[in-house]
């Protein structure tokens, strides 16, 4: 079964130093490589900061695009991984080993399969 792991970071939280950021990036690469080798990782993607976002809305049949995130938020989505796991317990074990667990909340959610109702 597929599980989407969303990494939520505190908006306006403590910034990492350059060295801390580089170390964390390398730890994340190693984590992703391990998941790839074990056959669990399907997709991994970091996201740019919320200020780079655009929000698309449709109202009365017309599309509007605005700068920034949808709403004022205390946390922002900073990245995702899509994993293959036998069940939620395994998915949670996989997510909890992420180096990002030290600085982010990780939401683990089962995904629908194309073949599921």
PDB file of N, CA and C in Angstrom:
ATOM      1  N   UNK A   1       0.844  -1.173   0.000  1.00  0.00           N
ATOM      2  CA  UNK A   1       0.000   0.000   0.000  1.00  0.00           C
ATOM      3  C   UNK A   1       0.893   1.240   0.000  1.00  0.00           C
ATOM      4  N   UNK A   2       0.425   2.294  -0.635  1.00  0.00           N
ATOM      5  CA  UNK A   2       1.184   3.545  -0.675  1.00  0.00           C
ATOM      6  C   UNK A   2       0.768   4.454   0.478  1.00  0.00           C
ATOM      7  N   UNK A   3       1.762   5.141   1.031  1.00  0.00           N
ATOM      8  CA  UNK A   3       1.541   6.119   2.096  1.00  0.00           C
ATOM      9  C   UNK A   3       2.272   7.400   1.745  1.00  0.00           C
ATOM     10  N   UNK A   4       1.581   8.525   1.898  1.00  0.00           N
ATOM     11  CA  UNK A   4       2.202   9.826   1.686  1.00  0.00           C
ATOM     12  C   UNK A   4       2.647  10.372   3.034  1.00  0.00           C
ATOM     13  N   UNK A   5       3.916  10.685   3.141  1.00  0.00           N
ATOM     14  CA  UNK A   5       4.465  11.277   4.363  1.00  0.00           C
ATOM     15  C   UNK A   5       4.722  12.750   4.062  1.00  0.00           C
ATOM     16  N   UNK A   6       4.014  13.609   4.772  1.00  0.00           N
ATOM     17  CA  UNK A   6       4.128  15.058   4.573  1.00  0.00           C
ATOM     18  C   UNK A   6       4.948  15.644   5.717  1.00  0.00           C
ATOM     19  N   UNK A   7       5.922  16.457   5.371  1.00  0.00           N
ATOM     20  CA  UNK A   7       6.805  17.057   6.365  1.00  0.00           C
ATOM     21  C   UNK A   7       6.368  18.497   6.606  1.00  0.00           C
ATOM     22  N   UNK A   8       5.873  18.769   7.818  1.00  0.00           N
ATOM     23  CA  UNK A   8       5.344  20.085   8.185  1.00  0.00           C
ATOM     24  C   UNK A   8       6.324  20.799   9.093  1.00  0.00           C
ATOM     25  N   UNK A   9       6.751  21.980   8.663  1.00  0.00           N
ATOM     26  CA  UNK A   9       7.725  22.780   9.393  1.00  0.00           C
ATOM     27  C   UNK A   9       7.054  23.996  10.012  1.00  0.00           C
ATOM     28  N   UNK A  10       7.542  24.403  11.162  1.00  0.00           N
ATOM     29  CA  UNK A  10       7.021  25.604  11.816  1.00  0.00           C
ATOM     30  C   UNK A  10       7.366  26.824  10.968  1.00  0.00           C
ATOM     31  N   UNK A  11       6.354  27.576  10.602  1.00  0.00           N
ATOM     32  CA  UNK A  11       6.563  28.788   9.814  1.00  0.00           C
ATOM     33  C   UNK A  11       7.187  29.852  10.715  1.00  0.00           C
ATOM     34  N   UNK A  12       8.279  30.441  10.263  1.00  0.00           N
ATOM     35  CA  UNK A  12       8.968  31.444  11.074  1.00  0.00           C
ATOM     36  C   UNK A  12       9.765  30.835  12.210  1.00  0.00           C
ATOM     37  N   UNK A  13      10.005  29.531  12.139  1.00  0.00           N
ATOM     38  CA  UNK A  13      10.754  28.846  13.197  1.00  0.00           C
ATOM     39  C   UNK A  13      12.242  29.110  13.095  1.00  0.00           C
ATOM     40  N   UNK A  14      12.996  28.467  13.955  1.00  0.00           N
ATOM     41  CA  UNK A  14      14.449  28.627  14.005  1.00  0.00           C
ATOM     42  C   UNK A  14      15.074  28.224  12.671  1.00  0.00           C
ATOM     43  N   UNK A  15      15.906  29.087  12.151  1.00  0.00           N
ATOM     44  CA  UNK A  15      16.644  28.802  10.912  1.00  0.00           C
ATOM     45  C   UNK A  15      17.867  27.952  11.255  1.00  0.00           C
ATOM     46  N   UNK A  16      18.174  27.016  10.375  1.00  0.00           N
ATOM     47  CA  UNK A  16      19.375  26.217  10.553  1.00  0.00           C
ATOM     48  C   UNK A  16      20.579  26.998  10.045  1.00  0.00           C
ATOM     49  N   UNK A  17      21.724  26.778  10.678  1.00  0.00           N
ATOM     50  CA  UNK A  17      22.956  27.363  10.153  1.00  0.00           C
ATOM     51  C   UNK A  17      23.292  26.658   8.840  1.00  0.00           C
ATOM     52  N   UNK A  18      24.213  27.227   8.084  1.00  0.00           N
ATOM     53  CA  UNK A  18      24.626  26.621   6.818  1.00  0.00           C
ATOM     54  C   UNK A  18      25.141  25.203   7.056  1.00  0.00           C
ATOM     55  N   UNK A  19      25.953  25.020   8.081  1.00  0.00           N
ATOM     56  CA  UNK A  19      26.524  23.712   8.391  1.00  0.00           C
ATOM     57  C   UNK A  19      25.437  22.730   8.811  1.00  0.00           C
ATOM     58  N   UNK A  20      24.487  23.180   9.636  1.00  0.00           N
ATOM     59  CA  UNK A  20      23.385  22.314  10.060  1.00  0.00           C
ATOM     60  C   UNK A  20      22.541  21.892   8.855  1.00  0.00           C
ATOM     61  N   UNK A  21      22.284  22.846   7.956  1.00  0.00           N
ATOM     62  CA  UNK A  21      21.512  22.554   6.756  1.00  0.00           C
ATOM     63  C   UNK A  21      22.204  21.544   5.855  1.00  0.00           C
ATOM     64  N   UNK A  22      23.511  21.706   5.682  1.00  0.00           N
ATOM     65  CA  UNK A  22      24.269  20.777   4.848  1.00  0.00           C
ATOM     66  C   UNK A  22      24.297  19.380   5.463  1.00  0.00           C
ATOM     67  N   UNK A  23      24.474  19.304   6.770  1.00  0.00           N
ATOM     68  CA  UNK A  23      24.477  18.013   7.459  1.00  0.00           C
ATOM     69  C   UNK A  23      23.120  17.335   7.326  1.00  0.00           C
ATOM     70  N   UNK A  24      22.060  18.085   7.546  1.00  0.00           N
ATOM     71  CA  UNK A  24      20.709  17.535   7.446  1.00  0.00           C
ATOM     72  C   UNK A  24      20.412  17.068   6.020  1.00  0.00           C
ATOM     73  N   UNK A  25      20.841  17.836   5.039  1.00  0.00           N
ATOM     74  CA  UNK A  25      20.632  17.447   3.640  1.00  0.00           C
ATOM     75  C   UNK A  25      21.331  16.126   3.345  1.00  0.00           C
ATOM     76  N   UNK A  26      22.555  15.974   3.806  1.00  0.00           N
ATOM     77  CA  UNK A  26      23.283  14.729   3.578  1.00  0.00           C
ATOM     78  C   UNK A  26      22.608  13.560   4.300  1.00  0.00           C
ATOM     79  N   UNK A  27      22.134  13.781   5.517  1.00  0.00           N
ATOM     80  CA  UNK A  27      21.422  12.727   6.254  1.00  0.00           C
ATOM     81  C   UNK A  27      20.141  12.326   5.514  1.00  0.00           C
ATOM     82  N   UNK A  28      19.447  13.302   4.951  1.00  0.00           N
ATOM     83  CA  UNK A  28      18.219  13.014   4.199  1.00  0.00           C
ATOM     84  C   UNK A  28      18.520  12.232   2.926  1.00  0.00           C
ATOM     85  N   UNK A  29      19.600  12.586   2.249  1.00  0.00           N
ATOM     86  CA  UNK A  29      19.995  11.831   1.051  1.00  0.00           C
ATOM     87  C   UNK A  29      20.298  10.374   1.404  1.00  0.00           C
ATOM     88  N   UNK A  30      20.999  10.165   2.499  1.00  0.00           N
ATOM     89  CA  UNK A  30      21.312   8.796   2.930  1.00  0.00           C
ATOM     90  C   UNK A  30      20.042   8.026   3.285  1.00  0.00           C
ATOM     91  N   UNK A  31      19.130   8.709   3.982  1.00  0.00           N
ATOM     92  CA  UNK A  31      17.842   8.108   4.349  1.00  0.00           C
ATOM     93  C   UNK A  31      17.081   7.703   3.085  1.00  0.00           C
ATOM     94  N   UNK A  32      16.994   8.613   2.111  1.00  0.00           N
ATOM     95  CA  UNK A  32      16.287   8.318   0.855  1.00  0.00           C
ATOM     96  C   UNK A  32      16.954   7.169   0.100  1.00  0.00           C
ATOM     97  N   UNK A  33      18.279   7.157   0.068  1.00  0.00           N
ATOM     98  CA  UNK A  33      18.996   6.069  -0.607  1.00  0.00           C
ATOM     99  C   UNK A  33      18.695   4.725   0.051  1.00  0.00           C
ATOM    100  N   UNK A  34      18.633   4.709   1.376  1.00  0.00           N
ATOM    101  CA  UNK A  34      18.301   3.479   2.097  1.00  0.00           C
ATOM    102  C   UNK A  34      16.890   2.999   1.774  1.00  0.00           C
ATOM    103  N   UNK A  35      15.955   3.936   1.712  1.00  0.00           N
ATOM    104  CA  UNK A  35      14.574   3.569   1.375  1.00  0.00           C
ATOM    105  C   UNK A  35      14.470   3.074  -0.066  1.00  0.00           C
ATOM    106  N   UNK A  36      15.266   3.656  -0.967  1.00  0.00           N
ATOM    107  CA  UNK A  36      15.271   3.213  -2.356  1.00  0.00           C
ATOM    108  C   UNK A  36      15.801   1.782  -2.433  1.00  0.00           C
ATOM    109  N   UNK A  37      16.904   1.520  -1.753  1.00  0.00           N
ATOM    110  CA  UNK A  37      17.506   0.176  -1.770  1.00  0.00           C
ATOM    111  C   UNK A  37      16.568  -0.871  -1.183  1.00  0.00           C
ATOM    112  N   UNK A  38      15.791  -0.494  -0.159  1.00  0.00           N
ATOM    113  CA  UNK A  38      14.880  -1.453   0.479  1.00  0.00           C
ATOM    114  C   UNK A  38      13.573  -1.607  -0.296  1.00  0.00           C
ATOM    115  N   UNK A  39      13.377  -0.778  -1.339  1.00  0.00           N
ATOM    116  CA  UNK A  39      12.163  -0.868  -2.143  1.00  0.00           C
ATOM    117  C   UNK A  39      10.975  -0.108  -1.582  1.00  0.00           C
ATOM    118  N   UNK A  40      11.189   0.716  -0.549  1.00  0.00           N
ATOM    119  CA  UNK A  40      10.098   1.460   0.075  1.00  0.00           C
ATOM    120  C   UNK A  40       9.830   2.816  -0.571  1.00  0.00           C
ATOM    121  N   UNK A  41      10.868   3.471  -1.098  1.00  0.00           N
ATOM    122  CA  UNK A  41      10.708   4.836  -1.603  1.00  0.00           C
ATOM    123  C   UNK A  41      10.196   4.852  -3.038  1.00  0.00           C
ATOM    124  N   UNK A  42       9.087   5.551  -3.247  1.00  0.00           N
ATOM    125  CA  UNK A  42       8.523   5.726  -4.581  1.00  0.00           C
ATOM    126  C   UNK A  42       8.799   7.127  -5.113  1.00  0.00           C
ATOM    127  N   UNK A  43       8.832   8.136  -4.214  1.00  0.00           N
ATOM    128  CA  UNK A  43       9.031   9.529  -4.607  1.00  0.00           C
ATOM    129  C   UNK A  43       9.485  10.315  -3.384  1.00  0.00           C
ATOM    130  N   UNK A  44      10.409  11.230  -3.583  1.00  0.00           N
ATOM    131  CA  UNK A  44      10.821  12.158  -2.529  1.00  0.00           C
ATOM    132  C   UNK A  44      10.956  13.532  -3.167  1.00  0.00           C
ATOM    133  N   UNK A  45      10.382  14.542  -2.514  1.00  0.00           N
ATOM    134  CA  UNK A  45      10.453  15.884  -3.079  1.00  0.00           C
ATOM    135  C   UNK A  45      10.417  16.928  -1.976  1.00  0.00           C
ATOM    136  N   UNK A  46      11.437  17.776  -1.939  1.00  0.00           N
ATOM    137  CA  UNK A  46      11.438  18.936  -1.036  1.00  0.00           C
ATOM    138  C   UNK A  46      10.718  20.074  -1.744  1.00  0.00           C
ATOM    139  N   UNK A  47      10.118  20.957  -0.969  1.00  0.00           N
ATOM    140  CA  UNK A  47       9.411  22.107  -1.527  1.00  0.00           C
ATOM    141  C   UNK A  47      10.127  23.402  -1.176  1.00  0.00           C
ATOM    142  N   UNK A  48      10.019  24.376  -2.036  1.00  0.00           N
ATOM    143  CA  UNK A  48      10.572  25.699  -1.765  1.00  0.00           C
ATOM    144  C   UNK A  48       9.687  26.395  -0.736  1.00  0.00           C
ATOM    145  N   UNK A  49      10.135  27.521  -0.147  1.00  0.00           N
ATOM    146  CA  UNK A  49       9.376  28.199   0.918  1.00  0.00           C
ATOM    147  C   UNK A  49       7.983  28.653   0.468  1.00  0.00           C
ATOM    148  N   UNK A  50       7.054  28.795   1.420  1.00  0.00           N
ATOM    149  CA  UNK A  50       5.688  29.206   1.102  1.00  0.00           C
ATOM    150  C   UNK A  50       5.604  30.513   0.318  1.00  0.00           C
ATOM    151  N   UNK A  51       6.531  31.424   0.521  1.00  0.00           N
ATOM    152  CA  UNK A  51       6.488  32.713  -0.184  1.00  0.00           C
ATOM    153  C   UNK A  51       6.626  32.550  -1.694  1.00  0.00           C
ATOM    154  N   UNK A  52       7.111  31.395  -2.154  1.00  0.00           N
ATOM    155  CA  UNK A  52       7.262  31.155  -3.587  1.00  0.00           C
ATOM    156  C   UNK A  52       5.997  30.575  -4.208  1.00  0.00           C
ATOM    157  N   UNK A  53       4.981  30.303  -3.391  1.00  0.00           N
ATOM    158  CA  UNK A  53       3.760  29.643  -3.856  1.00  0.00           C
ATOM    159  C   UNK A  53       2.800  30.605  -4.542  1.00  0.00           C
ATOM    160  N   UNK A  54       1.929  30.039  -5.328  1.00  0.00           N
ATOM    161  CA  UNK A  54       0.782  30.732  -5.928  1.00  0.00           C
ATOM    162  C   UNK A  54      -0.445  29.905  -5.551  1.00  0.00           C
ATOM    163  N   UNK A  55      -1.573  30.576  -5.349  1.00  0.00           N
ATOM    164  CA  UNK A  55      -2.821  29.893  -5.038  1.00  0.00           C
ATOM    165  C   UNK A  55      -3.806  30.133  -6.172  1.00  0.00           C
ATOM    166  N   UNK A  56      -4.393  29.052  -6.667  1.00  0.00           N
ATOM    167  CA  UNK A  56      -5.368  29.114  -7.749  1.00  0.00           C
ATOM    168  C   UNK A  56      -6.747  28.841  -7.164  1.00  0.00           C
ATOM    169  N   UNK A  57      -7.699  29.686  -7.515  1.00  0.00           N
ATOM    170  CA  UNK A  57      -9.080  29.511  -7.077  1.00  0.00           C
ATOM    171  C   UNK A  57     -10.007  29.699  -8.276  1.00  0.00           C
ATOM    172  N   UNK A  58     -11.163  29.028  -8.209  1.00  0.00           N
ATOM    173  CA  UNK A  58     -12.202  29.265  -9.200  1.00  0.00           C
ATOM    174  C   UNK A  58     -13.433  29.770  -8.473  1.00  0.00           C
ATOM    175  N   UNK A  59     -13.963  30.863  -8.957  1.00  0.00           N
ATOM    176  CA  UNK A  59     -15.173  31.446  -8.391  1.00  0.00           C
ATOM    177  C   UNK A  59     -16.042  31.940  -9.540  1.00  0.00           C
ATOM    178  N   UNK A  60     -17.286  31.531  -9.533  1.00  0.00           N
ATOM    179  CA  UNK A  60     -18.216  31.914 -10.602  1.00  0.00           C
ATOM    180  C   UNK A  60     -17.650  31.601 -11.987  1.00  0.00           C
ATOM    181  N   UNK A  61     -16.965  30.470 -12.082  1.00  0.00           N
ATOM    182  CA  UNK A  61     -16.429  30.036 -13.364  1.00  0.00           C
ATOM    183  C   UNK A  61     -15.176  30.743 -13.824  1.00  0.00           C
ATOM    184  N   UNK A  62     -14.625  31.633 -12.987  1.00  0.00           N
ATOM    185  CA  UNK A  62     -13.420  32.382 -13.356  1.00  0.00           C
ATOM    186  C   UNK A  62     -12.261  31.971 -12.458  1.00  0.00           C
ATOM    187  N   UNK A  63     -11.116  31.845 -13.065  1.00  0.00           N
ATOM    188  CA  UNK A  63      -9.898  31.467 -12.346  1.00  0.00           C
ATOM    189  C   UNK A  63      -9.185  32.728 -11.868  1.00  0.00           C
ATOM    190  N   UNK A  64      -8.731  32.695 -10.618  1.00  0.00           N
ATOM    191  CA  UNK A  64      -7.864  33.764 -10.121  1.00  0.00           C
ATOM    192  C   UNK A  64      -6.616  33.131  -9.520  1.00  0.00           C
ATOM    193  N   UNK A  65      -5.517  33.826  -9.652  1.00  0.00           N
ATOM    194  CA  UNK A  65      -4.238  33.365  -9.111  1.00  0.00           C
ATOM    195  C   UNK A  65      -3.705  34.465  -8.214  1.00  0.00           C
ATOM    196  N   UNK A  66      -3.347  34.075  -6.968  1.00  0.00           N
ATOM    197  CA  UNK A  66      -2.778  35.039  -6.026  1.00  0.00           C
ATOM    198  C   UNK A  66      -1.421  34.560  -5.554  1.00  0.00           C
ATOM    199  N   UNK A  67      -0.611  35.491  -5.100  1.00  0.00           N
ATOM    200  CA  UNK A  67       0.705  35.140  -4.571  1.00  0.00           C
ATOM    201  C   UNK A  67       0.571  34.505  -3.205  1.00  0.00           C
ATOM    202  N   UNK A  68       1.521  33.624  -2.918  1.00  0.00           N
ATOM    203  CA  UNK A  68       1.650  33.078  -1.577  1.00  0.00           C
ATOM    204  C   UNK A  68       0.716  31.933  -1.265  1.00  0.00           C
ATOM    205  N   UNK A  69       0.830  31.448  -0.042  1.00  0.00           N
ATOM    206  CA  UNK A  69       0.020  30.305   0.376  1.00  0.00           C
ATOM    207  C   UNK A  69      -1.450  30.699   0.539  1.00  0.00           C
ATOM    208  N   UNK A  70      -2.272  29.698   0.655  1.00  0.00           N
ATOM    209  CA  UNK A  70      -3.718  29.866   0.759  1.00  0.00           C
ATOM    210  C   UNK A  70      -4.129  30.708   1.953  1.00  0.00           C
ATOM    211  N   UNK A  71      -3.458  30.533   3.080  1.00  0.00           N
ATOM    212  CA  UNK A  71      -3.874  31.222   4.304  1.00  0.00           C
ATOM    213  C   UNK A  71      -2.666  31.462   5.199  1.00  0.00           C
ATOM    214  N   UNK A  72      -2.844  32.318   6.200  1.00  0.00           N
ATOM    215  CA  UNK A  72      -1.817  32.472   7.237  1.00  0.00           C
ATOM    216  C   UNK A  72      -1.710  31.141   7.973  1.00  0.00           C
ATOM    217  N   UNK A  73      -0.514  30.640   8.103  1.00  0.00           N
ATOM    218  CA  UNK A  73      -0.341  29.316   8.689  1.00  0.00           C
ATOM    219  C   UNK A  73       0.790  29.312   9.710  1.00  0.00           C
ATOM    220  N   UNK A  74       0.641  28.466  10.721  1.00  0.00           N
ATOM    221  CA  UNK A  74       1.688  28.300  11.728  1.00  0.00           C
ATOM    222  C   UNK A  74       2.725  27.290  11.268  1.00  0.00           C
ATOM    223  N   UNK A  75       2.287  26.354  10.420  1.00  0.00           N
ATOM    224  CA  UNK A  75       3.179  25.352   9.860  1.00  0.00           C
ATOM    225  C   UNK A  75       2.998  25.339   8.355  1.00  0.00           C
ATOM    226  N   UNK A  76       4.051  24.953   7.636  1.00  0.00           N
ATOM    227  CA  UNK A  76       3.953  24.859   6.185  1.00  0.00           C
ATOM    228  C   UNK A  76       4.508  23.531   5.714  1.00  0.00           C
ATOM    229  N   UNK A  77       3.969  23.070   4.598  1.00  0.00           N
ATOM    230  CA  UNK A  77       4.411  21.827   3.990  1.00  0.00           C
ATOM    231  C   UNK A  77       5.772  22.065   3.341  1.00  0.00           C
ATOM    232  N   UNK A  78       6.769  21.320   3.779  1.00  0.00           N
ATOM    233  CA  UNK A  78       8.126  21.529   3.287  1.00  0.00           C
ATOM    234  C   UNK A  78       8.622  20.440   2.370  1.00  0.00           C
ATOM    235  N   UNK A  79       7.893  19.324   2.325  1.00  0.00           N
ATOM    236  CA  UNK A  79       8.309  18.238   1.447  1.00  0.00           C
ATOM    237  C   UNK A  79       7.450  17.012   1.665  1.00  0.00           C
ATOM    238  N   UNK A  80       7.626  16.055   0.768  1.00  0.00           N
ATOM    239  CA  UNK A  80       6.872  14.811   0.851  1.00  0.00           C
ATOM    240  C   UNK A  80       7.753  13.638   0.466  1.00  0.00           C
ATOM    241  N   UNK A  81       7.381  12.470   0.944  1.00  0.00           N
ATOM    242  CA  UNK A  81       7.879  11.219   0.381  1.00  0.00           C
ATOM    243  C   UNK A  81       6.671  10.314   0.202  1.00  0.00           C
ATOM    244  N   UNK A  82       6.663   9.566  -0.869  1.00  0.00           N
ATOM    245  CA  UNK A  82       5.643   8.560  -1.110  1.00  0.00           C
ATOM    246  C   UNK A  82       6.330   7.224  -0.945  1.00  0.00           C
ATOM    247  N   UNK A  83       5.800   6.407  -0.048  1.00  0.00           N
ATOM    248  CA  UNK A  83       6.448   5.140   0.265  1.00  0.00           C
ATOM    249  C   UNK A  83       5.500   3.971   0.051  1.00  0.00           C
ATOM    250  N   UNK A  84       6.089   2.809  -0.085  1.00  0.00           N
ATOM    251  CA  UNK A  84       5.363   1.551  -0.139  1.00  0.00           C
ATOM    252  C   UNK A  84       5.586   0.878   1.208  1.00  0.00           C
ATOM    253  N   UNK A  85       4.497   0.473   1.874  1.00  0.00           N
ATOM    254  CA  UNK A  85       4.598  -0.210   3.169  1.00  0.00           C
ATOM    255  C   UNK A  85       3.478  -1.235   3.273  1.00  0.00           C
ATOM    256  N   UNK A  86       3.708  -2.259   4.061  1.00  0.00           N
ATOM    257  CA  UNK A  86       2.705  -3.311   4.254  1.00  0.00           C
ATOM    258  C   UNK A  86       1.455  -2.784   4.951  1.00  0.00           C
ATOM    259  N   UNK A  87       1.658  -1.867   5.915  1.00  0.00           N
ATOM    260  CA  UNK A  87       0.537  -1.353   6.698  1.00  0.00           C
ATOM    261  C   UNK A  87       0.966  -0.042   7.366  1.00  0.00           C
ATOM    262  N   UNK A  88       0.039   0.570   8.085  1.00  0.00           N
ATOM    263  CA  UNK A  88       0.321   1.856   8.738  1.00  0.00           C
ATOM    264  C   UNK A  88       1.465   1.739   9.746  1.00  0.00           C
ATOM    265  N   UNK A  89       1.534   0.640  10.475  1.00  0.00           N
ATOM    266  CA  UNK A  89       2.612   0.493  11.458  1.00  0.00           C
ATOM    267  C   UNK A  89       3.982   0.553  10.783  1.00  0.00           C
ATOM    268  N   UNK A  90       4.129  -0.146   9.663  1.00  0.00           N
ATOM    269  CA  UNK A  90       5.400  -0.108   8.952  1.00  0.00           C
ATOM    270  C   UNK A  90       5.655   1.299   8.397  1.00  0.00           C
ATOM    271  N   UNK A  91       4.616   1.937   7.863  1.00  0.00           N
ATOM    272  CA  UNK A  91       4.772   3.298   7.330  1.00  0.00           C
ATOM    273  C   UNK A  91       5.230   4.263   8.418  1.00  0.00           C
ATOM    274  N   UNK A  92       4.670   4.133   9.611  1.00  0.00           N
ATOM    275  CA  UNK A  92       5.070   4.998  10.727  1.00  0.00           C
ATOM    276  C   UNK A  92       6.514   4.734  11.147  1.00  0.00           C
ATOM    277  N   UNK A  93       6.918   3.474  11.147  1.00  0.00           N
ATOM    278  CA  UNK A  93       8.320   3.153  11.477  1.00  0.00           C
ATOM    279  C   UNK A  93       9.264   3.783  10.457  1.00  0.00           C
ATOM    280  N   UNK A  94       8.896   3.683   9.177  1.00  0.00           N
ATOM    281  CA  UNK A  94       9.731   4.252   8.120  1.00  0.00           C
ATOM    282  C   UNK A  94       9.818   5.774   8.291  1.00  0.00           C
ATOM    283  N   UNK A  95       8.679   6.425   8.469  1.00  0.00           N
ATOM    284  CA  UNK A  95       8.654   7.885   8.611  1.00  0.00           C
ATOM    285  C   UNK A  95       9.430   8.344   9.841  1.00  0.00           C
ATOM    286  N   UNK A  96       9.317   7.608  10.929  1.00  0.00           N
ATOM    287  CA  UNK A  96       9.960   8.039  12.178  1.00  0.00           C
ATOM    288  C   UNK A  96      11.478   7.989  12.109  1.00  0.00           C
ATOM    289  N   UNK A  97      12.030   7.265  11.140  1.00  0.00           N
ATOM    290  CA  UNK A  97      13.488   7.202  10.978  1.00  0.00           C
ATOM    291  C   UNK A  97      14.041   8.373  10.174  1.00  0.00           C
ATOM    292  N   UNK A  98      13.162   9.209   9.621  1.00  0.00           N
ATOM    293  CA  UNK A  98      13.632  10.341   8.831  1.00  0.00           C
ATOM    294  C   UNK A  98      14.403  11.322   9.701  1.00  0.00           C
ATOM    295  N   UNK A  99      15.538  11.821   9.208  1.00  0.00           N
ATOM    296  CA  UNK A  99      16.264  12.857   9.951  1.00  0.00           C
ATOM    297  C   UNK A  99      15.407  14.107  10.179  1.00  0.00           C
ATOM    298  N   UNK A 100      14.438  14.342   9.312  1.00  0.00           N
ATOM    299  CA  UNK A 100      13.579  15.525   9.450  1.00  0.00           C
ATOM    300  C   UNK A 100      12.634  15.430  10.638  1.00  0.00           C
ATOM    301  N   UNK A 101      12.480  14.247  11.198  1.00  0.00           N
ATOM    302  CA  UNK A 101      11.615  14.087  12.373  1.00  0.00           C
ATOM    303  C   UNK A 101      12.111  14.943  13.546  1.00  0.00           C
ATOM    304  N   UNK A 102      13.394  15.314  13.515  1.00  0.00           N
ATOM    305  CA  UNK A 102      13.946  16.155  14.595  1.00  0.00           C
ATOM    306  C   UNK A 102      13.430  17.587  14.517  1.00  0.00           C
ATOM    307  N   UNK A 103      13.013  18.036  13.314  1.00  0.00           N
ATOM    308  CA  UNK A 103      12.632  19.445  13.174  1.00  0.00           C
ATOM    309  C   UNK A 103      11.260  19.653  12.544  1.00  0.00           C
ATOM    310  N   UNK A 104      10.579  18.567  12.183  1.00  0.00           N
ATOM    311  CA  UNK A 104       9.282  18.699  11.499  1.00  0.00           C
ATOM    312  C   UNK A 104       8.300  17.669  12.040  1.00  0.00           C
ATOM    313  N   UNK A 105       7.027  17.997  11.932  1.00  0.00           N
ATOM    314  CA  UNK A 105       5.976  17.013  12.183  1.00  0.00           C
ATOM    315  C   UNK A 105       5.786  16.238  10.877  1.00  0.00           C
ATOM    316  N   UNK A 106       5.593  14.934  10.977  1.00  0.00           N
ATOM    317  CA  UNK A 106       5.417  14.118   9.783  1.00  0.00           C
ATOM    318  C   UNK A 106       4.020  13.515   9.812  1.00  0.00           C
ATOM    319  N   UNK A 107       3.209  13.932   8.855  1.00  0.00           N
ATOM    320  CA  UNK A 107       1.869  13.360   8.716  1.00  0.00           C
ATOM    321  C   UNK A 107       1.967  12.188   7.747  1.00  0.00           C
ATOM    322  N   UNK A 108       1.497  11.020   8.182  1.00  0.00           N
ATOM    323  CA  UNK A 108       1.520   9.812   7.352  1.00  0.00           C
ATOM    324  C   UNK A 108       0.074   9.479   7.005  1.00  0.00           C
ATOM    325  N   UNK A 109      -0.201   9.429   5.707  1.00  0.00           N
ATOM    326  CA  UNK A 109      -1.585   9.220   5.268  1.00  0.00           C
ATOM    327  C   UNK A 109      -1.632   8.159   4.169  1.00  0.00           C
ATOM    328  N   UNK A 110      -2.535   7.168   4.320  1.00  0.00           N
ATOM    329  CA  UNK A 110      -2.684   6.171   3.248  1.00  0.00           C
ATOM    330  C   UNK A 110      -3.215   6.841   1.988  1.00  0.00           C
ATOM    331  N   UNK A 111      -2.740   6.375   0.843  1.00  0.00           N
ATOM    332  CA  UNK A 111      -3.188   6.908  -0.439  1.00  0.00           C
ATOM    333  C   UNK A 111      -4.114   5.881  -1.098  1.00  0.00           C
ATOM    334  N   UNK A 112      -5.084   6.371  -1.846  1.00  0.00           N
ATOM    335  CA  UNK A 112      -5.920   5.474  -2.634  1.00  0.00           C
ATOM    336  C   UNK A 112      -5.117   4.925  -3.780  1.00  0.00           C
ATOM    337  N   UNK A 113      -5.354   3.680  -4.086  1.00  0.00           N
ATOM    338  CA  UNK A 113      -4.783   3.070  -5.278  1.00  0.00           C
ATOM    339  C   UNK A 113      -5.764   3.305  -6.421  1.00  0.00           C
ATOM    340  N   UNK A 114      -5.257   3.367  -7.622  1.00  0.00           N
ATOM    341  CA  UNK A 114      -6.112   3.517  -8.800  1.00  0.00           C
ATOM    342  C   UNK A 114      -7.143   2.390  -8.853  1.00  0.00           C
ATOM    343  N   UNK A 115      -6.772   1.229  -8.351  1.00  0.00           N
ATOM    344  CA  UNK A 115      -7.645   0.051  -8.421  1.00  0.00           C
ATOM    345  C   UNK A 115      -8.642  -0.037  -7.257  1.00  0.00           C
ATOM    346  N   UNK A 116      -8.554   0.893  -6.300  1.00  0.00           N
ATOM    347  CA  UNK A 116      -9.472   0.871  -5.148  1.00  0.00           C
ATOM    348  C   UNK A 116     -10.723   1.647  -5.461  1.00  0.00           C
ATOM    349  N   UNK A 117     -11.825   1.261  -4.818  1.00  0.00           N
ATOM    350  CA  UNK A 117     -13.064   2.046  -4.982  1.00  0.00           C
ATOM    351  C   UNK A 117     -12.968   3.376  -4.270  1.00  0.00           C
TER     352      UNK A 117
END
